[in-house]
Amino acid sequence: MKTDMHDLAPGYYWYSQDGDPYCVLHVHDNGNASLMGTEAHVTAHDVAVMIEKGCVFSWIEPPPAASA
């Protein structure tokens, strides 16, 4: 499912805001996200606000599929 709140594709991203160290954010199919390694959840609206405030997102390429 695609959200109208932001245009980040579902997947994993490095992100940083205001010069803080980079963290990993998992964007879900519905546009909501979760901060890896924590119980923190972010709504699609909050992700859009992060983008608006200049948060830097860098896509993390998924690992190649394991060969059989």
N, C-alpha and C. Protein backbone atom coordinates (compact mmCIF):
# COMPACT_ATOMS: atom_id res chain seq x y z
N MET A 1 0.85 -1.16 0.00
CA MET A 1 0.00 0.00 0.00
C MET A 1 0.91 1.24 0.00
N LYS A 2 0.53 2.26 -0.72
CA LYS A 2 1.28 3.52 -0.81
C LYS A 2 0.55 4.58 0.01
N THR A 3 1.31 5.41 0.67
CA THR A 3 0.71 6.48 1.46
C THR A 3 0.79 7.80 0.70
N ASP A 4 -0.16 8.68 0.96
CA ASP A 4 -0.12 10.02 0.38
C ASP A 4 0.69 10.97 1.26
N MET A 5 1.11 10.49 2.42
CA MET A 5 1.84 11.35 3.36
C MET A 5 3.28 11.61 2.92
N HIS A 6 3.94 10.60 2.36
CA HIS A 6 5.33 10.73 1.92
C HIS A 6 5.57 9.76 0.78
N ASP A 7 6.72 9.89 0.12
CA ASP A 7 6.99 9.04 -1.04
C ASP A 7 8.11 8.02 -0.80
N LEU A 8 8.44 7.74 0.47
CA LEU A 8 9.44 6.72 0.75
C LEU A 8 8.85 5.34 0.48
N ALA A 9 9.57 4.53 -0.26
CA ALA A 9 9.14 3.16 -0.52
C ALA A 9 9.32 2.32 0.74
N PRO A 10 8.53 1.28 0.89
CA PRO A 10 8.73 0.39 2.03
C PRO A 10 10.15 -0.18 1.99
N GLY A 11 10.77 -0.29 3.14
CA GLY A 11 12.11 -0.83 3.23
C GLY A 11 12.87 -0.20 4.38
N TYR A 12 14.18 -0.37 4.35
CA TYR A 12 15.04 0.10 5.43
C TYR A 12 15.85 1.30 4.96
N TYR A 13 16.02 2.28 5.85
CA TYR A 13 16.73 3.51 5.54
C TYR A 13 17.64 3.89 6.70
N TRP A 14 18.84 4.39 6.35
CA TRP A 14 19.63 5.13 7.31
C TRP A 14 18.99 6.51 7.35
N TYR A 15 18.87 7.10 8.51
CA TYR A 15 18.37 8.46 8.56
C TYR A 15 19.09 9.25 9.65
N SER A 16 19.15 10.55 9.44
CA SER A 16 19.76 11.45 10.41
C SER A 16 19.03 12.78 10.37
N GLN A 17 18.93 13.40 11.51
CA GLN A 17 18.28 14.71 11.58
C GLN A 17 19.08 15.59 12.53
N ASP A 18 19.27 16.82 12.14
CA ASP A 18 19.97 17.81 12.98
C ASP A 18 21.37 17.36 13.38
N GLY A 19 22.05 16.60 12.51
CA GLY A 19 23.42 16.19 12.80
C GLY A 19 23.55 15.04 13.78
N ASP A 20 22.42 14.46 14.18
CA ASP A 20 22.47 13.31 15.08
C ASP A 20 23.10 12.13 14.36
N PRO A 21 23.62 11.14 15.11
CA PRO A 21 24.15 9.94 14.45
C PRO A 21 23.06 9.24 13.64
N TYR A 22 23.47 8.55 12.60
CA TYR A 22 22.50 7.83 11.76
C TYR A 22 21.90 6.66 12.52
N CYS A 23 20.61 6.42 12.27
CA CYS A 23 19.86 5.30 12.83
C CYS A 23 19.17 4.60 11.67
N VAL A 24 18.64 3.41 11.92
CA VAL A 24 17.93 2.68 10.89
C VAL A 24 16.43 2.76 11.15
N LEU A 25 15.70 3.14 10.12
CA LEU A 25 14.25 3.24 10.18
C LEU A 25 13.66 2.25 9.19
N HIS A 26 12.69 1.47 9.62
CA HIS A 26 12.00 0.53 8.74
C HIS A 26 10.66 1.13 8.37
N VAL A 27 10.51 1.47 7.08
CA VAL A 27 9.24 2.01 6.58
C VAL A 27 8.39 0.83 6.14
N HIS A 28 7.19 0.74 6.68
CA HIS A 28 6.28 -0.36 6.40
C HIS A 28 5.42 -0.07 5.17
N ASP A 29 4.73 -1.08 4.68
CA ASP A 29 3.89 -0.94 3.48
C ASP A 29 2.83 0.15 3.62
N ASN A 30 2.35 0.40 4.82
CA ASN A 30 1.29 1.40 5.02
C ASN A 30 1.85 2.81 5.24
N GLY A 31 3.18 2.98 5.15
CA GLY A 31 3.79 4.29 5.32
C GLY A 31 4.26 4.59 6.73
N ASN A 32 3.75 3.85 7.71
CA ASN A 32 4.24 4.00 9.07
C ASN A 32 5.64 3.43 9.14
N ALA A 33 6.34 3.68 10.24
CA ALA A 33 7.72 3.20 10.34
C ALA A 33 8.03 2.82 11.78
N SER A 34 9.13 2.10 11.94
CA SER A 34 9.61 1.77 13.28
C SER A 34 11.12 1.96 13.32
N LEU A 35 11.58 2.41 14.48
CA LEU A 35 13.00 2.63 14.70
C LEU A 35 13.62 1.30 15.10
N MET A 36 14.55 0.84 14.29
CA MET A 36 15.14 -0.48 14.54
C MET A 36 15.83 -0.53 15.90
N GLY A 37 15.64 -1.64 16.59
CA GLY A 37 16.26 -1.86 17.88
C GLY A 37 15.50 -1.24 19.04
N THR A 38 14.32 -0.67 18.75
CA THR A 38 13.51 -0.07 19.81
C THR A 38 12.06 -0.45 19.62
N GLU A 39 11.24 -0.03 20.56
CA GLU A 39 9.80 -0.22 20.45
C GLU A 39 9.14 1.01 19.85
N ALA A 40 9.94 1.97 19.38
CA ALA A 40 9.41 3.24 18.87
C ALA A 40 8.76 3.05 17.50
N HIS A 41 7.56 3.57 17.35
CA HIS A 41 6.82 3.54 16.09
C HIS A 41 6.52 4.97 15.67
N VAL A 42 6.52 5.20 14.36
CA VAL A 42 6.31 6.53 13.81
C VAL A 42 5.19 6.42 12.78
N THR A 43 4.23 7.33 12.84
CA THR A 43 3.14 7.32 11.85
C THR A 43 3.65 7.85 10.52
N ALA A 44 2.91 7.57 9.46
CA ALA A 44 3.26 8.10 8.13
C ALA A 44 3.29 9.62 8.16
N HIS A 45 2.38 10.22 8.90
CA HIS A 45 2.37 11.68 9.04
C HIS A 45 3.67 12.17 9.67
N ASP A 46 4.12 11.49 10.72
CA ASP A 46 5.36 11.89 11.39
C ASP A 46 6.58 11.70 10.49
N VAL A 47 6.58 10.67 9.65
CA VAL A 47 7.67 10.49 8.68
C VAL A 47 7.66 11.68 7.71
N ALA A 48 6.47 12.09 7.26
CA ALA A 48 6.37 13.24 6.36
C ALA A 48 6.90 14.51 7.02
N VAL A 49 6.62 14.69 8.30
CA VAL A 49 7.12 15.85 9.04
C VAL A 49 8.64 15.79 9.13
N MET A 50 9.20 14.59 9.36
CA MET A 50 10.66 14.44 9.42
C MET A 50 11.28 14.87 8.08
N ILE A 51 10.67 14.47 6.98
CA ILE A 51 11.17 14.85 5.66
C ILE A 51 11.09 16.36 5.49
N GLU A 52 9.96 16.93 5.88
CA GLU A 52 9.76 18.37 5.76
C GLU A 52 10.80 19.15 6.56
N LYS A 53 11.20 18.61 7.71
CA LYS A 53 12.17 19.29 8.57
C LYS A 53 13.61 19.07 8.12
N GLY A 54 13.82 18.32 7.03
CA GLY A 54 15.17 18.15 6.49
C GLY A 54 15.88 16.88 6.91
N CYS A 55 15.16 15.94 7.48
CA CYS A 55 15.77 14.67 7.84
C CYS A 55 16.32 14.00 6.57
N VAL A 56 17.52 13.47 6.65
CA VAL A 56 18.17 12.83 5.51
C VAL A 56 17.91 11.32 5.57
N PHE A 57 17.34 10.77 4.48
CA PHE A 57 17.07 9.34 4.38
C PHE A 57 17.93 8.74 3.28
N SER A 58 18.59 7.62 3.56
CA SER A 58 19.38 6.91 2.56
C SER A 58 18.94 5.45 2.54
N TRP A 59 18.45 5.01 1.37
CA TRP A 59 17.96 3.65 1.18
C TRP A 59 19.05 2.64 1.48
N ILE A 60 18.72 1.58 2.19
CA ILE A 60 19.65 0.49 2.45
C ILE A 60 19.28 -0.63 1.51
N GLU A 61 20.20 -0.97 0.62
CA GLU A 61 19.94 -2.06 -0.33
C GLU A 61 19.75 -3.37 0.43
N PRO A 62 18.70 -4.13 0.08
CA PRO A 62 18.51 -5.43 0.73
C PRO A 62 19.65 -6.36 0.32
N PRO A 63 19.98 -7.29 1.19
CA PRO A 63 21.05 -8.24 0.82
C PRO A 63 20.57 -9.13 -0.33
N PRO A 64 21.50 -9.59 -1.14
CA PRO A 64 21.09 -10.49 -2.23
C PRO A 64 20.48 -11.77 -1.67
N ALA A 65 19.57 -12.33 -2.41
CA ALA A 65 18.92 -13.58 -1.99
C ALA A 65 19.98 -14.68 -1.85
N ALA A 66 19.81 -15.49 -0.84
CA ALA A 66 20.73 -16.61 -0.64
C ALA A 66 20.56 -17.62 -1.75
N SER A 67 21.67 -18.12 -2.27
CA SER A 67 21.57 -19.14 -3.32
C SER A 67 21.26 -20.50 -2.70
N ALA A 68 20.50 -21.23 -3.46
CA ALA A 68 20.09 -22.56 -2.97
C ALA A 68 21.15 -23.59 -3.21
